[in-house]
Amino acid sequence: MKTLLLTFGLFLLVILGMAVGYIFSKRTIKGSCGGISSLGMKKVCDCDAPCDTLQKKLDEQKQQESKGITVDR
């Protein structure tokens, strides 16, 4: 029982340390949506539809192409 309580206390200290580090870093949690597209790659996932950021970029690219403007990457 002593080992269980010691382990639980250690986990609480680690979680508390991560929480304090997150609070003081003042950075927002970032998702991975659009991360690969920022590298110039197309959709490289198993999703049925691209995320909003990628879809916006694809729509803008289609509009430019329809106007006769080509974008080389």
Protein backbone atom coordinates (compact mmCIF):
# COMPACT_ATOMS: atom_id res chain seq x y z
CA MET A 1 0.00 0.00 0.00
CA LYS A 2 2.90 2.31 0.76
CA THR A 3 4.27 1.81 -2.78
CA LEU A 4 0.90 2.63 -4.31
CA LEU A 5 0.58 5.88 -2.37
CA LEU A 6 4.17 6.84 -3.17
CA THR A 7 3.57 6.21 -6.89
CA PHE A 8 0.31 8.17 -6.83
CA GLY A 9 2.06 11.09 -5.11
CA LEU A 10 4.85 11.02 -7.69
CA PHE A 11 2.34 11.14 -10.54
CA LEU A 12 0.58 14.08 -8.89
CA LEU A 13 3.89 15.95 -8.60
CA VAL A 14 4.67 15.33 -12.27
CA ILE A 15 1.20 16.48 -13.37
CA LEU A 16 1.45 19.55 -11.14
CA GLY A 17 4.88 20.37 -12.58
CA MET A 18 3.57 20.11 -16.15
CA ALA A 19 0.58 22.29 -15.29
CA VAL A 20 2.77 24.97 -13.72
CA GLY A 21 5.10 24.88 -16.72
CA TYR A 22 2.18 25.25 -19.10
CA ILE A 23 0.71 28.16 -17.13
CA PHE A 24 4.00 30.08 -17.01
CA SER A 25 4.90 29.47 -20.66
CA LYS A 26 1.68 31.25 -21.75
CA ARG A 27 1.59 29.41 -25.07
CA THR A 28 -1.60 28.16 -26.62
CA ILE A 29 -2.05 24.51 -27.38
CA LYS A 30 -1.64 24.05 -31.14
CA GLY A 31 -3.27 21.40 -33.24
CA SER A 32 -1.68 19.70 -36.20
CA CYS A 33 -4.31 20.80 -38.71
CA GLY A 34 -2.60 22.45 -41.64
CA GLY A 35 0.85 21.56 -40.41
CA ILE A 36 1.77 19.47 -43.43
CA SER A 37 0.22 21.95 -45.85
CA SER A 38 2.53 24.64 -44.49
CA LEU A 39 5.38 22.52 -45.86
CA GLY A 40 3.88 22.78 -49.34
CA MET A 41 2.43 19.27 -49.33
CA LYS A 42 -1.10 18.41 -50.24
CA LYS A 43 -3.41 16.50 -47.93
CA VAL A 44 -1.49 13.56 -46.47
CA CYS A 45 -3.97 11.97 -44.12
CA ASP A 46 -6.84 9.53 -44.13
CA CYS A 47 -9.49 12.22 -43.55
CA ASP A 48 -12.45 12.41 -45.90
CA ALA A 49 -12.19 16.20 -46.12
CA PRO A 50 -9.33 18.62 -45.49
CA CYS A 51 -9.37 20.83 -42.42
CA ASP A 52 -10.66 24.41 -42.61
CA THR A 53 -7.22 25.98 -43.01
CA LEU A 54 -6.20 23.66 -45.83
CA GLN A 55 -9.60 23.98 -47.49
CA LYS A 56 -9.27 27.78 -47.48
CA LYS A 57 -5.84 27.55 -49.12
CA LEU A 58 -7.15 25.12 -51.73
CA ASP A 59 -10.12 27.39 -52.49
CA GLU A 60 -7.83 30.40 -52.91
CA GLN A 61 -5.58 28.39 -55.21
CA LYS A 62 -8.57 27.33 -57.33
CA GLN A 63 -9.74 30.95 -57.59
CA GLN A 64 -6.28 32.09 -58.72
CA GLU A 65 -6.10 29.28 -61.26
CA SER A 66 -9.53 30.14 -62.64
CA LYS A 67 -8.37 33.75 -63.10
CA GLY A 68 -5.34 32.52 -65.04
CA ILE A 69 -2.83 33.17 -62.27
CA THR A 70 -0.55 30.23 -61.57
CA VAL A 71 1.34 29.85 -58.35
CA ASP A 72 4.58 27.90 -58.47
CA ARG A 73 5.76 26.37 -55.22
